[in-house]
């Protein structure tokens, strides 16, 4: 499988997903199903939750496929 990195932002935070690291544990889907929707496009919908909830969930990713950065930090 080709390495793909995708970014999804709510304006405040950007979630980064790396398909080559994903083990499909579904922790993200079970923990925050309103954001992580594998049967939809785009499958990550950050507008559906708060920045804090998304950061907390991303930190629980066991494979490291999900990460995040604060948009203000990247711009500065």
PDB file of N, CA and C in Angstrom:
ATOM      1  N   UNK A   1       0.847  -1.185   0.000  1.00  0.00           N
ATOM      2  CA  UNK A   1       0.000   0.000   0.000  1.00  0.00           C
ATOM      3  C   UNK A   1       0.889   1.245   0.000  1.00  0.00           C
ATOM      4  N   UNK A   2       0.515   2.223  -0.789  1.00  0.00           N
ATOM      5  CA  UNK A   2       1.245   3.472  -0.877  1.00  0.00           C
ATOM      6  C   UNK A   2       1.090   4.276   0.414  1.00  0.00           C
ATOM      7  N   UNK A   3       2.187   4.903   0.848  1.00  0.00           N
ATOM      8  CA  UNK A   3       2.114   5.757   2.029  1.00  0.00           C
ATOM      9  C   UNK A   3       1.303   7.004   1.712  1.00  0.00           C
ATOM     10  N   UNK A   4       0.268   7.220   2.500  1.00  0.00           N
ATOM     11  CA  UNK A   4      -0.585   8.389   2.326  1.00  0.00           C
ATOM     12  C   UNK A   4      -0.682   9.096   3.665  1.00  0.00           C
ATOM     13  N   UNK A   5      -0.512  10.401   3.641  1.00  0.00           N
ATOM     14  CA  UNK A   5      -0.718  11.228   4.823  1.00  0.00           C
ATOM     15  C   UNK A   5      -1.788  12.243   4.470  1.00  0.00           C
ATOM     16  N   UNK A   6      -2.807  12.304   5.319  1.00  0.00           N
ATOM     17  CA  UNK A   6      -3.896  13.259   5.085  1.00  0.00           C
ATOM     18  C   UNK A   6      -4.081  14.103   6.331  1.00  0.00           C
ATOM     19  N   UNK A   7      -4.519  15.330   6.107  1.00  0.00           N
ATOM     20  CA  UNK A   7      -4.763  16.259   7.207  1.00  0.00           C
ATOM     21  C   UNK A   7      -6.198  16.753   7.172  1.00  0.00           C
ATOM     22  N   UNK A   8      -6.778  16.868   8.371  1.00  0.00           N
ATOM     23  CA  UNK A   8      -8.163  17.304   8.519  1.00  0.00           C
ATOM     24  C   UNK A   8      -8.192  18.356   9.621  1.00  0.00           C
ATOM     25  N   UNK A   9      -8.765  19.523   9.346  1.00  0.00           N
ATOM     26  CA  UNK A   9      -8.712  20.619  10.302  1.00  0.00           C
ATOM     27  C   UNK A   9     -10.086  21.171  10.633  1.00  0.00           C
ATOM     28  N   UNK A  10     -10.223  21.637  11.865  1.00  0.00           N
ATOM     29  CA  UNK A  10     -11.420  22.382  12.258  1.00  0.00           C
ATOM     30  C   UNK A  10     -11.109  23.868  12.367  1.00  0.00           C
ATOM     31  N   UNK A  11      -9.934  24.274  11.909  1.00  0.00           N
ATOM     32  CA  UNK A  11      -9.505  25.657  11.989  1.00  0.00           C
ATOM     33  C   UNK A  11      -8.569  25.917  13.149  1.00  0.00           C
ATOM     34  N   UNK A  12      -8.767  25.205  14.243  1.00  0.00           N
ATOM     35  CA  UNK A  12      -7.955  25.377  15.446  1.00  0.00           C
ATOM     36  C   UNK A  12      -6.880  24.292  15.552  1.00  0.00           C
ATOM     37  N   UNK A  13      -7.284  23.071  15.253  1.00  0.00           N
ATOM     38  CA  UNK A  13      -6.372  21.925  15.334  1.00  0.00           C
ATOM     39  C   UNK A  13      -6.443  21.155  14.020  1.00  0.00           C
ATOM     40  N   UNK A  14      -5.338  20.540  13.637  1.00  0.00           N
ATOM     41  CA  UNK A  14      -5.306  19.694  12.449  1.00  0.00           C
ATOM     42  C   UNK A  14      -4.939  18.280  12.869  1.00  0.00           C
ATOM     43  N   UNK A  15      -5.772  17.335  12.478  1.00  0.00           N
ATOM     44  CA  UNK A  15      -5.510  15.920  12.730  1.00  0.00           C
ATOM     45  C   UNK A  15      -4.777  15.370  11.519  1.00  0.00           C
ATOM     46  N   UNK A  16      -3.692  14.657  11.778  1.00  0.00           N
ATOM     47  CA  UNK A  16      -2.886  14.068  10.721  1.00  0.00           C
ATOM     48  C   UNK A  16      -3.056  12.555  10.801  1.00  0.00           C
ATOM     49  N   UNK A  17      -3.349  11.930   9.647  1.00  0.00           N
ATOM     50  CA  UNK A  17      -3.517  10.466   9.584  1.00  0.00           C
ATOM     51  C   UNK A  17      -2.529   9.896   8.582  1.00  0.00           C
ATOM     52  N   UNK A  18      -1.766   8.897   9.035  1.00  0.00           N
ATOM     53  CA  UNK A  18      -0.798   8.214   8.172  1.00  0.00           C
ATOM     54  C   UNK A  18      -1.266   6.772   7.984  1.00  0.00           C
ATOM     55  N   UNK A  19      -1.706   6.456   6.783  1.00  0.00           N
ATOM     56  CA  UNK A  19      -2.292   5.140   6.536  1.00  0.00           C
ATOM     57  C   UNK A  19      -1.293   4.002   6.754  1.00  0.00           C
ATOM     58  N   UNK A  20      -0.016   4.241   6.494  1.00  0.00           N
ATOM     59  CA  UNK A  20       0.974   3.167   6.617  1.00  0.00           C
ATOM     60  C   UNK A  20       1.190   2.740   8.069  1.00  0.00           C
ATOM     61  N   UNK A  21       0.820   3.575   9.028  1.00  0.00           N
ATOM     62  CA  UNK A  21       0.966   3.231  10.439  1.00  0.00           C
ATOM     63  C   UNK A  21      -0.306   2.655  11.047  1.00  0.00           C
ATOM     64  N   UNK A  22      -1.425   2.852  10.380  1.00  0.00           N
ATOM     65  CA  UNK A  22      -2.727   2.477  10.943  1.00  0.00           C
ATOM     66  C   UNK A  22      -2.879   0.964  11.050  1.00  0.00           C
ATOM     67  N   UNK A  23      -3.217   0.499  12.257  1.00  0.00           N
ATOM     68  CA  UNK A  23      -3.456  -0.932  12.483  1.00  0.00           C
ATOM     69  C   UNK A  23      -4.951  -1.246  12.541  1.00  0.00           C
ATOM     70  N   UNK A  24      -5.782  -0.252  12.306  1.00  0.00           N
ATOM     71  CA  UNK A  24      -7.241  -0.416  12.281  1.00  0.00           C
ATOM     72  C   UNK A  24      -7.785  -1.009  13.582  1.00  0.00           C
ATOM     73  N   UNK A  25      -7.255  -0.511  14.695  1.00  0.00           N
ATOM     74  CA  UNK A  25      -7.744  -0.942  16.008  1.00  0.00           C
ATOM     75  C   UNK A  25      -9.144  -0.414  16.276  1.00  0.00           C
ATOM     76  N   UNK A  26      -9.539   0.637  15.595  1.00  0.00           N
ATOM     77  CA  UNK A  26     -10.848   1.291  15.713  1.00  0.00           C
ATOM     78  C   UNK A  26     -11.036   2.006  17.042  1.00  0.00           C
ATOM     79  N   UNK A  27      -9.961   2.238  17.785  1.00  0.00           N
ATOM     80  CA  UNK A  27     -10.083   3.017  19.020  1.00  0.00           C
ATOM     81  C   UNK A  27     -10.681   4.386  18.742  1.00  0.00           C
ATOM     82  N   UNK A  28     -10.276   4.994  17.646  1.00  0.00           N
ATOM     83  CA  UNK A  28     -10.778   6.328  17.311  1.00  0.00           C
ATOM     84  C   UNK A  28     -12.283   6.299  17.043  1.00  0.00           C
ATOM     85  N   UNK A  29     -12.723   5.298  16.316  1.00  0.00           N
ATOM     86  CA  UNK A  29     -14.140   5.179  15.961  1.00  0.00           C
ATOM     87  C   UNK A  29     -14.980   4.927  17.216  1.00  0.00           C
ATOM     88  N   UNK A  30     -14.525   4.019  18.055  1.00  0.00           N
ATOM     89  CA  UNK A  30     -15.269   3.716  19.291  1.00  0.00           C
ATOM     90  C   UNK A  30     -15.243   4.887  20.269  1.00  0.00           C
ATOM     91  N   UNK A  31     -14.144   5.623  20.295  1.00  0.00           N
ATOM     92  CA  UNK A  31     -13.999   6.705  21.261  1.00  0.00           C
ATOM     93  C   UNK A  31     -14.640   8.009  20.843  1.00  0.00           C
ATOM     94  N   UNK A  32     -14.694   8.272  19.535  1.00  0.00           N
ATOM     95  CA  UNK A  32     -15.228   9.554  19.064  1.00  0.00           C
ATOM     96  C   UNK A  32     -15.854   9.352  17.682  1.00  0.00           C
ATOM     97  N   UNK A  33     -16.919   8.564  17.672  1.00  0.00           N
ATOM     98  CA  UNK A  33     -17.579   8.175  16.429  1.00  0.00           C
ATOM     99  C   UNK A  33     -18.177   9.314  15.633  1.00  0.00           C
ATOM    100  N   UNK A  34     -18.426  10.454  16.287  1.00  0.00           N
ATOM    101  CA  UNK A  34     -18.966  11.590  15.550  1.00  0.00           C
ATOM    102  C   UNK A  34     -17.907  12.255  14.673  1.00  0.00           C
ATOM    103  N   UNK A  35     -16.637  11.968  14.925  1.00  0.00           N
ATOM    104  CA  UNK A  35     -15.543  12.531  14.129  1.00  0.00           C
ATOM    105  C   UNK A  35     -14.950  11.485  13.192  1.00  0.00           C
ATOM    106  N   UNK A  36     -14.710  10.280  13.713  1.00  0.00           N
ATOM    107  CA  UNK A  36     -14.056   9.225  12.941  1.00  0.00           C
ATOM    108  C   UNK A  36     -15.119   8.294  12.356  1.00  0.00           C
ATOM    109  N   UNK A  37     -15.352   8.437  11.046  1.00  0.00           N
ATOM    110  CA  UNK A  37     -16.431   7.716  10.367  1.00  0.00           C
ATOM    111  C   UNK A  37     -15.856   6.981   9.157  1.00  0.00           C
ATOM    112  N   UNK A  38     -15.347   5.766   9.354  1.00  0.00           N
ATOM    113  CA  UNK A  38     -14.641   5.063   8.277  1.00  0.00           C
ATOM    114  C   UNK A  38     -15.477   4.740   7.048  1.00  0.00           C
ATOM    115  N   UNK A  39     -16.774   4.801   7.141  1.00  0.00           N
ATOM    116  CA  UNK A  39     -17.623   4.488   5.987  1.00  0.00           C
ATOM    117  C   UNK A  39     -18.035   5.735   5.197  1.00  0.00           C
ATOM    118  N   UNK A  40     -17.510   6.894   5.614  1.00  0.00           N
ATOM    119  CA  UNK A  40     -17.862   8.149   4.948  1.00  0.00           C
ATOM    120  C   UNK A  40     -16.622   8.805   4.368  1.00  0.00           C
ATOM    121  N   UNK A  41     -16.833   9.751   3.479  1.00  0.00           N
ATOM    122  CA  UNK A  41     -15.747  10.541   2.899  1.00  0.00           C
ATOM    123  C   UNK A  41     -16.015  12.010   3.173  1.00  0.00           C
ATOM    124  N   UNK A  42     -15.131  12.769   3.757  1.00  0.00           N
ATOM    125  CA  UNK A  42     -13.893  12.287   4.345  1.00  0.00           C
ATOM    126  C   UNK A  42     -14.180  11.513   5.621  1.00  0.00           C
ATOM    127  N   UNK A  43     -13.306  10.584   5.946  1.00  0.00           N
ATOM    128  CA  UNK A  43     -13.594   9.712   7.093  1.00  0.00           C
ATOM    129  C   UNK A  43     -13.320  10.397   8.431  1.00  0.00           C
ATOM    130  N   UNK A  44     -12.537  11.462   8.428  1.00  0.00           N
ATOM    131  CA  UNK A  44     -12.329  12.253   9.647  1.00  0.00           C
ATOM    132  C   UNK A  44     -13.048  13.584   9.448  1.00  0.00           C
ATOM    133  N   UNK A  45     -13.989  13.893  10.362  1.00  0.00           N
ATOM    134  CA  UNK A  45     -14.823  15.085  10.261  1.00  0.00           C
ATOM    135  C   UNK A  45     -14.662  15.931  11.536  1.00  0.00           C
ATOM    136  N   UNK A  46     -13.582  16.707  11.611  1.00  0.00           N
ATOM    137  CA  UNK A  46     -13.264  17.431  12.841  1.00  0.00           C
ATOM    138  C   UNK A  46     -14.268  18.513  13.230  1.00  0.00           C
ATOM    139  N   UNK A  47     -15.109  18.912  12.323  1.00  0.00           N
ATOM    140  CA  UNK A  47     -16.110  19.922  12.658  1.00  0.00           C
ATOM    141  C   UNK A  47     -17.199  19.376  13.584  1.00  0.00           C
ATOM    142  N   UNK A  48     -17.198  18.070  13.808  1.00  0.00           N
ATOM    143  CA  UNK A  48     -18.258  17.434  14.597  1.00  0.00           C
ATOM    144  C   UNK A  48     -17.955  17.305  16.084  1.00  0.00           C
ATOM    145  N   UNK A  49     -16.830  17.878  16.551  1.00  0.00           N
ATOM    146  CA  UNK A  49     -16.505  17.760  17.971  1.00  0.00           C
ATOM    147  C   UNK A  49     -15.629  18.935  18.388  1.00  0.00           C
ATOM    148  N   UNK A  50     -15.240  18.930  19.653  1.00  0.00           N
ATOM    149  CA  UNK A  50     -14.388  19.997  20.162  1.00  0.00           C
ATOM    150  C   UNK A  50     -12.914  19.637  19.963  1.00  0.00           C
ATOM    151  N   UNK A  51     -12.111  20.649  19.935  1.00  0.00           N
ATOM    152  CA  UNK A  51     -10.665  20.451  19.786  1.00  0.00           C
ATOM    153  C   UNK A  51     -10.134  19.576  20.914  1.00  0.00           C
ATOM    154  N   UNK A  52     -10.538  19.836  22.142  1.00  0.00           N
ATOM    155  CA  UNK A  52     -10.043  19.068  23.287  1.00  0.00           C
ATOM    156  C   UNK A  52     -10.394  17.589  23.170  1.00  0.00           C
ATOM    157  N   UNK A  53     -11.630  17.282  22.822  1.00  0.00           N
ATOM    158  CA  UNK A  53     -12.035  15.877  22.684  1.00  0.00           C
ATOM    159  C   UNK A  53     -11.229  15.175  21.593  1.00  0.00           C
ATOM    160  N   UNK A  54     -10.980  15.882  20.495  1.00  0.00           N
ATOM    161  CA  UNK A  54     -10.223  15.260  19.406  1.00  0.00           C
ATOM    162  C   UNK A  54      -8.776  15.023  19.807  1.00  0.00           C
ATOM    163  N   UNK A  55      -8.160  15.980  20.475  1.00  0.00           N
ATOM    164  CA  UNK A  55      -6.785  15.799  20.932  1.00  0.00           C
ATOM    165  C   UNK A  55      -6.703  14.624  21.894  1.00  0.00           C
ATOM    166  N   UNK A  56      -7.631  14.561  22.841  1.00  0.00           N
ATOM    167  CA  UNK A  56      -7.641  13.452  23.803  1.00  0.00           C
ATOM    168  C   UNK A  56      -7.760  12.111  23.094  1.00  0.00           C
ATOM    169  N   UNK A  57      -8.593  12.030  22.066  1.00  0.00           N
ATOM    170  CA  UNK A  57      -8.785  10.770  21.347  1.00  0.00           C
ATOM    171  C   UNK A  57      -7.561  10.426  20.500  1.00  0.00           C
ATOM    172  N   UNK A  58      -7.001  11.400  19.831  1.00  0.00           N
ATOM    173  CA  UNK A  58      -5.817  11.157  18.995  1.00  0.00           C
ATOM    174  C   UNK A  58      -4.671  10.609  19.847  1.00  0.00           C
ATOM    175  N   UNK A  59      -4.535  11.120  21.062  1.00  0.00           N
ATOM    176  CA  UNK A  59      -3.467  10.653  21.958  1.00  0.00           C
ATOM    177  C   UNK A  59      -3.623   9.182  22.335  1.00  0.00           C
ATOM    178  N   UNK A  60      -4.815   8.629  22.165  1.00  0.00           N
ATOM    179  CA  UNK A  60      -5.083   7.226  22.495  1.00  0.00           C
ATOM    180  C   UNK A  60      -4.805   6.278  21.338  1.00  0.00           C
ATOM    181  N   UNK A  61      -4.393   6.789  20.197  1.00  0.00           N
ATOM    182  CA  UNK A  61      -4.128   5.950  19.025  1.00  0.00           C
ATOM    183  C   UNK A  61      -2.932   5.050  19.313  1.00  0.00           C
ATOM    184  N   UNK A  62      -3.123   3.725  19.335  1.00  0.00           N
ATOM    185  CA  UNK A  62      -2.034   2.820  19.723  1.00  0.00           C
ATOM    186  C   UNK A  62      -0.918   2.685  18.695  1.00  0.00           C
ATOM    187  N   UNK A  63      -1.201   2.987  17.449  1.00  0.00           N
ATOM    188  CA  UNK A  63      -0.200   2.784  16.401  1.00  0.00           C
ATOM    189  C   UNK A  63       0.593   4.045  16.061  1.00  0.00           C
ATOM    190  N   UNK A  64       0.080   5.204  16.485  1.00  0.00           N
ATOM    191  CA  UNK A  64       0.710   6.453  16.111  1.00  0.00           C
ATOM    192  C   UNK A  64       0.287   6.956  14.739  1.00  0.00           C
ATOM    193  N   UNK A  65      -0.701   6.299  14.146  1.00  0.00           N
ATOM    194  CA  UNK A  65      -1.188   6.718  12.830  1.00  0.00           C
ATOM    195  C   UNK A  65      -1.861   8.081  12.896  1.00  0.00           C
ATOM    196  N   UNK A  66      -2.445   8.404  14.035  1.00  0.00           N
ATOM    197  CA  UNK A  66      -3.077   9.703  14.230  1.00  0.00           C
ATOM    198  C   UNK A  66      -2.173  10.599  15.066  1.00  0.00           C
ATOM    199  N   UNK A  67      -2.011  11.818  14.629  1.00  0.00           N
ATOM    200  CA  UNK A  67      -1.313  12.829  15.407  1.00  0.00           C
ATOM    201  C   UNK A  67      -2.043  14.147  15.159  1.00  0.00           C
ATOM    202  N   UNK A  68      -1.562  15.201  15.776  1.00  0.00           N
ATOM    203  CA  UNK A  68      -2.231  16.489  15.592  1.00  0.00           C
ATOM    204  C   UNK A  68      -1.224  17.606  15.787  1.00  0.00           C
ATOM    205  N   UNK A  69      -1.588  18.768  15.309  1.00  0.00           N
ATOM    206  CA  UNK A  69      -0.858  19.984  15.640  1.00  0.00           C
ATOM    207  C   UNK A  69      -1.857  21.120  15.734  1.00  0.00           C
ATOM    208  N   UNK A  70      -1.514  22.088  16.578  1.00  0.00           N
ATOM    209  CA  UNK A  70      -2.340  23.265  16.719  1.00  0.00           C
ATOM    210  C   UNK A  70      -1.987  24.201  15.568  1.00  0.00           C
ATOM    211  N   UNK A  71      -2.978  24.697  14.859  1.00  0.00           N
ATOM    212  CA  UNK A  71      -2.738  25.515  13.686  1.00  0.00           C
ATOM    213  C   UNK A  71      -1.968  26.795  14.014  1.00  0.00           C
ATOM    214  N   UNK A  72      -2.238  27.405  15.158  1.00  0.00           N
ATOM    215  CA  UNK A  72      -1.550  28.638  15.548  1.00  0.00           C
ATOM    216  C   UNK A  72      -0.046  28.387  15.720  1.00  0.00           C
ATOM    217  N   UNK A  73       0.322  27.202  16.228  1.00  0.00           N
ATOM    218  CA  UNK A  73       1.728  26.872  16.421  1.00  0.00           C
ATOM    219  C   UNK A  73       2.445  26.716  15.089  1.00  0.00           C
ATOM    220  N   UNK A  74       1.792  26.097  14.119  1.00  0.00           N
ATOM    221  CA  UNK A  74       2.413  25.875  12.820  1.00  0.00           C
ATOM    222  C   UNK A  74       2.585  27.195  12.057  1.00  0.00           C
ATOM    223  N   UNK A  75       1.621  28.092  12.233  1.00  0.00           N
ATOM    224  CA  UNK A  75       1.684  29.386  11.544  1.00  0.00           C
ATOM    225  C   UNK A  75       2.768  30.274  12.139  1.00  0.00           C
ATOM    226  N   UNK A  76       3.030  30.110  13.457  1.00  0.00           N
ATOM    227  CA  UNK A  76       3.985  30.979  14.149  1.00  0.00           C
ATOM    228  C   UNK A  76       5.349  30.530  13.924  1.00  0.00           C
TER     229      UNK A  76
END
